[in-house]
Amino acid sequence: MTVDVEALRRLAMAVPHVDDRSGEDRLAFEVAGKGIAWTYLVRAAPKKPRLPQIGVLAVRCEMARKELLIEAAPDRFFDDDHYRGFPAVLVRLSEIEADELAGLLRDAWRLQAPKKLQSELP
């Protein structure tokens, strides 16, 4: 089963102390004011504003893991010029299973959560 917006919200909000900072046209999840996952913004044309692509989520991760994910499953994970060198992987929600995305969100949380909260996620 792939992940839709409501399933994504449930997965993100199941992680301790996650705040939903989503807006009308984009999703954004944070812990202690630091982003763990947000809607990918695509630039349709040079020098034009980026537009939200609700079916793609940027998820914070370590660079080594990002490269591994993209290499192992390019149908689910990718990168673009804007995110190259940035510690977040782009995830196609239509291609990922809920349990795999839940794991990515927990790992993103671990990267961003303050030390005093770290013990709350096994």
N, C-alpha and C. Protein backbone atom coordinates (compact mmCIF):
# COMPACT_ATOMS: atom_id res chain seq x y z
N MET A 1 0.83 -1.19 0.00
CA MET A 1 0.00 0.00 0.00
C MET A 1 0.88 1.25 0.00
N THR A 2 0.59 2.18 -0.87
CA THR A 2 1.35 3.42 -0.91
C THR A 2 0.77 4.41 0.10
N VAL A 3 1.45 5.53 0.26
CA VAL A 3 1.10 6.49 1.30
C VAL A 3 0.38 7.70 0.69
N ASP A 4 -0.80 8.01 1.22
CA ASP A 4 -1.49 9.23 0.82
C ASP A 4 -1.25 10.29 1.90
N VAL A 5 -1.80 11.47 1.71
CA VAL A 5 -1.55 12.59 2.63
C VAL A 5 -2.03 12.27 4.04
N GLU A 6 -3.21 11.68 4.17
CA GLU A 6 -3.73 11.37 5.51
C GLU A 6 -2.87 10.33 6.21
N ALA A 7 -2.43 9.31 5.47
CA ALA A 7 -1.55 8.29 6.05
C ALA A 7 -0.23 8.92 6.48
N LEU A 8 0.29 9.80 5.66
CA LEU A 8 1.53 10.50 6.01
C LEU A 8 1.36 11.27 7.31
N ARG A 9 0.27 12.00 7.43
CA ARG A 9 0.00 12.75 8.67
C ARG A 9 -0.04 11.82 9.88
N ARG A 10 -0.73 10.70 9.74
CA ARG A 10 -0.81 9.74 10.86
C ARG A 10 0.57 9.23 11.23
N LEU A 11 1.38 8.89 10.23
CA LEU A 11 2.73 8.38 10.50
C LEU A 11 3.59 9.44 11.19
N ALA A 12 3.53 10.65 10.70
CA ALA A 12 4.35 11.72 11.28
C ALA A 12 3.91 12.05 12.70
N MET A 13 2.62 12.11 12.92
CA MET A 13 2.12 12.49 14.25
C MET A 13 2.25 11.36 15.27
N ALA A 14 2.58 10.16 14.82
CA ALA A 14 2.82 9.04 15.73
C ALA A 14 4.20 9.14 16.38
N VAL A 15 5.05 9.99 15.86
CA VAL A 15 6.40 10.18 16.41
C VAL A 15 6.29 11.24 17.51
N PRO A 16 6.95 11.01 18.68
CA PRO A 16 6.80 11.94 19.81
C PRO A 16 7.18 13.38 19.48
N HIS A 17 6.39 14.31 19.99
CA HIS A 17 6.68 15.74 19.94
C HIS A 17 6.76 16.32 18.53
N VAL A 18 6.17 15.66 17.56
CA VAL A 18 6.16 16.20 16.19
C VAL A 18 5.03 17.21 16.08
N ASP A 19 5.35 18.34 15.50
CA ASP A 19 4.36 19.38 15.24
C ASP A 19 4.04 19.39 13.75
N ASP A 20 2.76 19.48 13.44
CA ASP A 20 2.31 19.58 12.06
C ASP A 20 2.24 21.06 11.71
N ARG A 21 3.14 21.53 10.88
CA ARG A 21 3.20 22.93 10.47
C ARG A 21 2.74 23.09 9.02
N SER A 22 1.91 22.16 8.60
CA SER A 22 1.42 22.16 7.21
C SER A 22 0.56 23.37 6.94
N GLY A 23 0.58 23.79 5.68
CA GLY A 23 -0.26 24.89 5.23
C GLY A 23 -1.30 24.38 4.25
N GLU A 24 -1.93 25.30 3.60
CA GLU A 24 -3.00 24.96 2.67
C GLU A 24 -2.51 24.11 1.50
N ASP A 25 -1.31 24.40 1.01
CA ASP A 25 -0.83 23.71 -0.19
C ASP A 25 0.45 22.92 0.02
N ARG A 26 0.88 22.76 1.28
CA ARG A 26 2.09 21.98 1.53
C ARG A 26 2.09 21.39 2.92
N LEU A 27 2.86 20.32 3.07
CA LEU A 27 2.99 19.62 4.33
C LEU A 27 4.33 19.96 4.96
N ALA A 28 4.37 20.01 6.28
CA ALA A 28 5.63 20.27 6.99
C ALA A 28 5.51 19.71 8.40
N PHE A 29 6.51 18.94 8.80
CA PHE A 29 6.53 18.33 10.13
C PHE A 29 7.85 18.67 10.80
N GLU A 30 7.77 19.03 12.09
CA GLU A 30 8.94 19.48 12.84
C GLU A 30 9.00 18.84 14.20
N VAL A 31 10.20 18.83 14.77
CA VAL A 31 10.39 18.52 16.18
C VAL A 31 11.26 19.63 16.74
N ALA A 32 10.79 20.25 17.80
CA ALA A 32 11.50 21.35 18.47
C ALA A 32 11.90 22.45 17.46
N GLY A 33 11.00 22.73 16.51
CA GLY A 33 11.24 23.79 15.55
C GLY A 33 12.16 23.43 14.40
N LYS A 34 12.59 22.18 14.32
CA LYS A 34 13.48 21.73 13.24
C LYS A 34 12.74 20.77 12.32
N GLY A 35 12.83 21.01 11.02
CA GLY A 35 12.10 20.20 10.05
C GLY A 35 12.61 18.78 9.94
N ILE A 36 11.65 17.85 9.92
CA ILE A 36 12.01 16.45 9.67
C ILE A 36 11.49 16.00 8.31
N ALA A 37 10.40 16.60 7.84
CA ALA A 37 9.84 16.24 6.53
C ALA A 37 8.94 17.37 6.04
N TRP A 38 8.96 17.62 4.73
CA TRP A 38 8.19 18.71 4.15
C TRP A 38 7.93 18.44 2.67
N THR A 39 6.92 19.08 2.15
CA THR A 39 6.57 18.94 0.74
C THR A 39 7.69 19.47 -0.14
N TYR A 40 8.00 18.70 -1.16
CA TYR A 40 9.00 19.08 -2.15
C TYR A 40 8.46 20.23 -2.99
N LEU A 41 9.30 21.22 -3.20
CA LEU A 41 8.96 22.35 -4.07
C LEU A 41 9.78 22.23 -5.35
N VAL A 42 9.09 22.11 -6.46
CA VAL A 42 9.75 21.93 -7.76
C VAL A 42 9.77 23.26 -8.50
N ARG A 43 10.86 23.51 -9.19
CA ARG A 43 10.95 24.70 -10.03
C ARG A 43 10.59 24.28 -11.45
N ALA A 44 9.42 24.70 -11.90
CA ALA A 44 8.92 24.31 -13.22
C ALA A 44 9.69 24.98 -14.34
N ALA A 45 10.18 26.20 -14.08
CA ALA A 45 10.94 26.93 -15.09
C ALA A 45 11.99 27.79 -14.38
N PRO A 46 13.13 28.02 -15.04
CA PRO A 46 14.18 28.83 -14.41
C PRO A 46 13.65 30.21 -13.99
N LYS A 47 14.11 30.66 -12.84
CA LYS A 47 13.78 31.98 -12.29
C LYS A 47 12.29 32.16 -11.97
N LYS A 48 11.58 31.07 -11.95
CA LYS A 48 10.17 31.10 -11.54
C LYS A 48 10.08 30.55 -10.12
N PRO A 49 9.02 30.92 -9.39
CA PRO A 49 8.88 30.40 -8.03
C PRO A 49 8.74 28.87 -8.02
N ARG A 50 9.19 28.27 -6.93
CA ARG A 50 9.01 26.82 -6.75
C ARG A 50 7.55 26.55 -6.41
N LEU A 51 7.05 25.42 -6.90
CA LEU A 51 5.66 25.04 -6.69
C LEU A 51 5.60 23.74 -5.88
N PRO A 52 4.68 23.67 -4.91
CA PRO A 52 4.58 22.45 -4.12
C PRO A 52 4.14 21.25 -4.96
N GLN A 53 4.82 20.15 -4.75
CA GLN A 53 4.45 18.89 -5.40
C GLN A 53 4.05 17.94 -4.27
N ILE A 54 2.78 17.92 -3.95
CA ILE A 54 2.26 17.25 -2.76
C ILE A 54 2.56 15.76 -2.73
N GLY A 55 2.80 15.15 -3.86
CA GLY A 55 3.10 13.72 -3.93
C GLY A 55 4.54 13.35 -3.65
N VAL A 56 5.37 14.36 -3.36
CA VAL A 56 6.78 14.11 -3.07
C VAL A 56 7.12 14.78 -1.75
N LEU A 57 7.80 14.03 -0.90
CA LEU A 57 8.17 14.51 0.43
C LEU A 57 9.68 14.54 0.55
N ALA A 58 10.21 15.63 1.07
CA ALA A 58 11.63 15.70 1.42
C ALA A 58 11.74 15.25 2.87
N VAL A 59 12.60 14.28 3.13
CA VAL A 59 12.77 13.73 4.48
C VAL A 59 14.23 13.86 4.88
N ARG A 60 14.46 14.48 6.02
CA ARG A 60 15.82 14.68 6.52
C ARG A 60 16.50 13.33 6.72
N CYS A 61 17.75 13.21 6.29
CA CYS A 61 18.53 11.99 6.51
C CYS A 61 20.01 12.32 6.35
N GLU A 62 20.85 11.40 6.78
CA GLU A 62 22.28 11.59 6.61
C GLU A 62 22.63 11.41 5.13
N MET A 63 23.68 12.10 4.71
CA MET A 63 24.07 12.06 3.29
C MET A 63 24.38 10.65 2.80
N ALA A 64 25.08 9.87 3.60
CA ALA A 64 25.43 8.51 3.18
C ALA A 64 24.17 7.67 2.96
N ARG A 65 23.19 7.83 3.83
CA ARG A 65 21.94 7.08 3.68
C ARG A 65 21.17 7.56 2.46
N LYS A 66 21.16 8.85 2.24
CA LYS A 66 20.48 9.42 1.07
C LYS A 66 21.02 8.77 -0.21
N GLU A 67 22.32 8.75 -0.34
CA GLU A 67 22.94 8.17 -1.53
C GLU A 67 22.59 6.69 -1.68
N LEU A 68 22.61 5.97 -0.56
CA LEU A 68 22.28 4.55 -0.57
C LEU A 68 20.83 4.32 -1.00
N LEU A 69 19.91 5.11 -0.44
CA LEU A 69 18.49 4.96 -0.79
C LEU A 69 18.25 5.22 -2.27
N ILE A 70 18.85 6.29 -2.79
CA ILE A 70 18.65 6.64 -4.20
C ILE A 70 19.21 5.55 -5.11
N GLU A 71 20.37 5.02 -4.74
CA GLU A 71 20.98 3.97 -5.55
C GLU A 71 20.17 2.68 -5.49
N ALA A 72 19.67 2.34 -4.30
CA ALA A 72 18.96 1.08 -4.12
C ALA A 72 17.54 1.10 -4.70
N ALA A 73 16.87 2.25 -4.65
CA ALA A 73 15.47 2.30 -5.08
C ALA A 73 15.16 3.63 -5.76
N PRO A 74 15.68 3.87 -6.96
CA PRO A 74 15.43 5.13 -7.65
C PRO A 74 13.97 5.36 -8.03
N ASP A 75 13.15 4.31 -7.97
CA ASP A 75 11.72 4.49 -8.22
C ASP A 75 11.04 5.18 -7.03
N ARG A 76 11.61 5.03 -5.83
CA ARG A 76 11.04 5.64 -4.62
C ARG A 76 11.77 6.91 -4.19
N PHE A 77 13.08 6.95 -4.37
CA PHE A 77 13.91 8.03 -3.84
C PHE A 77 14.68 8.72 -4.95
N PHE A 78 14.83 10.05 -4.83
CA PHE A 78 15.60 10.77 -5.83
C PHE A 78 16.16 12.06 -5.24
N ASP A 79 16.87 12.79 -6.06
CA ASP A 79 17.53 14.03 -5.68
C ASP A 79 17.31 15.01 -6.82
N ASP A 80 17.53 16.27 -6.59
CA ASP A 80 17.53 17.25 -7.68
C ASP A 80 18.61 18.28 -7.37
N ASP A 81 18.80 19.23 -8.28
CA ASP A 81 19.88 20.21 -8.10
C ASP A 81 19.74 20.99 -6.80
N HIS A 82 18.54 21.33 -6.42
CA HIS A 82 18.32 22.11 -5.20
C HIS A 82 18.71 21.33 -3.95
N TYR A 83 18.46 20.03 -3.93
CA TYR A 83 18.74 19.20 -2.76
C TYR A 83 20.11 18.52 -2.80
N ARG A 84 20.82 18.62 -3.92
CA ARG A 84 22.13 17.99 -4.01
C ARG A 84 23.05 18.58 -2.94
N GLY A 85 23.62 17.70 -2.14
CA GLY A 85 24.51 18.14 -1.07
C GLY A 85 23.77 18.52 0.22
N PHE A 86 22.44 18.42 0.22
CA PHE A 86 21.63 18.75 1.40
C PHE A 86 21.16 17.44 2.03
N PRO A 87 21.20 17.32 3.35
CA PRO A 87 20.85 16.06 4.01
C PRO A 87 19.35 15.79 4.08
N ALA A 88 18.73 15.60 2.93
CA ALA A 88 17.33 15.19 2.84
C ALA A 88 17.16 14.44 1.53
N VAL A 89 16.37 13.38 1.58
CA VAL A 89 16.09 12.60 0.38
C VAL A 89 14.66 12.89 -0.06
N LEU A 90 14.44 12.92 -1.35
CA LEU A 90 13.10 13.14 -1.91
C LEU A 90 12.42 11.78 -2.10
N VAL A 91 11.18 11.68 -1.61
CA VAL A 91 10.46 10.42 -1.57
C VAL A 91 9.16 10.55 -2.35
N ARG A 92 8.96 9.64 -3.31
CA ARG A 92 7.70 9.58 -4.05
C ARG A 92 6.68 8.81 -3.19
N LEU A 93 5.68 9.52 -2.69
CA LEU A 93 4.71 8.89 -1.79
C LEU A 93 3.93 7.77 -2.48
N SER A 94 3.76 7.86 -3.78
CA SER A 94 3.02 6.82 -4.51
C SER A 94 3.80 5.52 -4.64
N GLU A 95 5.08 5.55 -4.30
CA GLU A 95 5.93 4.38 -4.49
C GLU A 95 6.43 3.75 -3.19
N ILE A 96 6.15 4.36 -2.05
CA ILE A 96 6.73 3.88 -0.79
C ILE A 96 5.65 3.24 0.09
N GLU A 97 6.04 2.23 0.82
CA GLU A 97 5.14 1.57 1.78
C GLU A 97 5.15 2.36 3.08
N ALA A 98 4.05 2.30 3.80
CA ALA A 98 3.89 3.05 5.04
C ALA A 98 4.96 2.71 6.08
N ASP A 99 5.28 1.42 6.24
CA ASP A 99 6.27 1.05 7.26
C ASP A 99 7.66 1.59 6.93
N GLU A 100 8.01 1.62 5.65
CA GLU A 100 9.32 2.16 5.27
C GLU A 100 9.36 3.67 5.52
N LEU A 101 8.29 4.37 5.19
CA LEU A 101 8.24 5.81 5.44
C LEU A 101 8.25 6.11 6.94
N ALA A 102 7.56 5.30 7.72
CA ALA A 102 7.56 5.49 9.17
C ALA A 102 8.98 5.39 9.72
N GLY A 103 9.76 4.45 9.22
CA GLY A 103 11.15 4.32 9.64
C GLY A 103 11.98 5.53 9.27
N LEU A 104 11.76 6.05 8.06
CA LEU A 104 12.49 7.25 7.64
C LEU A 104 12.13 8.45 8.51
N LEU A 105 10.85 8.57 8.86
CA LEU A 105 10.43 9.69 9.71
C LEU A 105 11.02 9.57 11.11
N ARG A 106 11.08 8.36 11.66
CA ARG A 106 11.70 8.18 12.98
C ARG A 106 13.18 8.53 12.94
N ASP A 107 13.85 8.12 11.87
CA ASP A 107 15.28 8.44 11.74
C ASP A 107 15.49 9.94 11.58
N ALA A 108 14.62 10.59 10.83
CA ALA A 108 14.71 12.05 10.67
C ALA A 108 14.51 12.73 12.02
N TRP A 109 13.59 12.23 12.80
CA TRP A 109 13.33 12.75 14.14
C TRP A 109 14.59 12.64 14.99
N ARG A 110 15.23 11.48 14.94
CA ARG A 110 16.46 11.27 15.73
C ARG A 110 17.55 12.28 15.36
N LEU A 111 17.61 12.65 14.09
CA LEU A 111 18.62 13.62 13.64
C LEU A 111 18.32 15.03 14.14
N GLN A 112 17.06 15.36 14.33
CA GLN A 112 16.67 16.73 14.63
C GLN A 112 16.25 16.98 16.09
N ALA A 113 15.82 15.96 16.78
CA ALA A 113 15.31 16.15 18.15
C ALA A 113 16.43 16.51 19.12
N PRO A 114 16.14 17.39 20.07
CA PRO A 114 17.13 17.71 21.10
C PRO A 114 17.45 16.46 21.94
N LYS A 115 18.63 16.45 22.52
CA LYS A 115 19.07 15.30 23.30
C LYS A 115 18.09 14.95 24.41
N LYS A 116 17.47 15.95 25.03
CA LYS A 116 16.55 15.66 26.14
C LYS A 116 15.31 14.87 25.70
N LEU A 117 14.99 14.88 24.39
CA LEU A 117 13.86 14.11 23.89
C LEU A 117 14.25 12.74 23.32
N GLN A 118 15.53 12.55 23.05
CA GLN A 118 16.00 11.35 22.34
C GLN A 118 15.56 10.05 23.00
N SER A 119 15.45 10.02 24.31
CA SER A 119 15.09 8.77 25.00
C SER A 119 13.62 8.41 24.80
N GLU A 120 12.83 9.30 24.27
CA GLU A 120 11.40 9.04 24.11
C GLU A 120 11.06 8.23 22.87
N LEU A 121 12.04 7.98 22.02
CA LEU A 121 11.80 7.17 20.83
C LEU A 121 12.74 5.96 20.89
N PRO A 122 12.18 4.77 21.09
CA PRO A 122 13.04 3.58 21.22
C PRO A 122 13.81 3.29 19.94
